[in-house]
Amino acid sequence: MTSPDPDHYHADLQTDRPHPARVYDYLLGGKDNFAADRAAAEQGLKVNPNARTAPRENRAYLMRTVRFLVDAGVRRFIDVGTGLPTSPNIHEIAQGLQPSTEVAYIDNDPIVLTHARALLTSTPEGRTSYVDADLSDVDRILGAEPVRHMLDSGQPVALLLYAILHFFPDATDPYGIVRRLVDALPSGSYLVISHITDDYDKPAWAKFQQIFRAQGIDTQFRSQKEVEAFFEGLQLEHPGVVPILSWRPDTPPEFTDAQVALYGGVGRKP
């Protein structure tokens, strides 16, 4: 079953300005990006070559955490900051293990919306949907029909925030945003986060941050303790908030924690 949110199918793609989802696509080797996105990415890579490693390892972390959640009995996923479709998508991973899984994808980039059909290819037993919303628009997210459907079920829901919170400086109250979303989840639900850190190389990431801010993309990189703070009131699954290479790896890592520069964790709501 599929159910798109058609509100903004004709929105301006704003191809003259870089967008995090399209920059991320370029860093992953994708083709759904524009000159402004490529220019911003290449400028960032000049001052911090490790910026290309982070997205690729984040994808591997995504796959591990989704498999973990399915094994833990989760059948409903809300992915905020979806980005452009990159196979395997979350529904492909989860429904490959449990066909009845439901996934709600949420993003605010019009070009992601134009690719929503790739995200809406569900198993007959399951459901995928797309909601056009920004992480900061909590009311719109919680009020969307696919999300309400999941929350009203009373069954555990996984809230996935992969590589998105570092685009929300403290002034935007990211901790309050996450708290409101988690508060709406049923007991037994999960929060998953991955987040860029500058703990390993502050000068390089500071230069990267300056370039992206000049392009209109604000960022704030956080320490391990600051990322842990997003899980306040939740029970962290082993091994806690750690460099993502150390979060239940399938194989020995090819890179160092400094090269990846991402913290990740999974927390369960009591």
Foldseek 3Di string as FASTA:
>chain_A
DEAEDCPPLPPDLPQVFADVLQLLCVLQVHDPHHPNSVVLNVQLCVLPVLVSVQSVLLVVLLLVVLVVVVVVPAQAEEEAALGADDPPGSQNSNCVVPQAHEYEYEEARSSNVVRCVVQQDGRPNYGYYYDHDHLLPLVSQCPDPVNVVQLVVLDAYEYEAEADCQQPPCVSVPLVSLVVVVVSGHAFYKYKYKFAACVQPVVSVVSSQVSVVVSVGHGHHDDQVVVQSSQPQWAWDPPAWDQSQPPPHPDRDPDDSSSNRMIITMTGHD
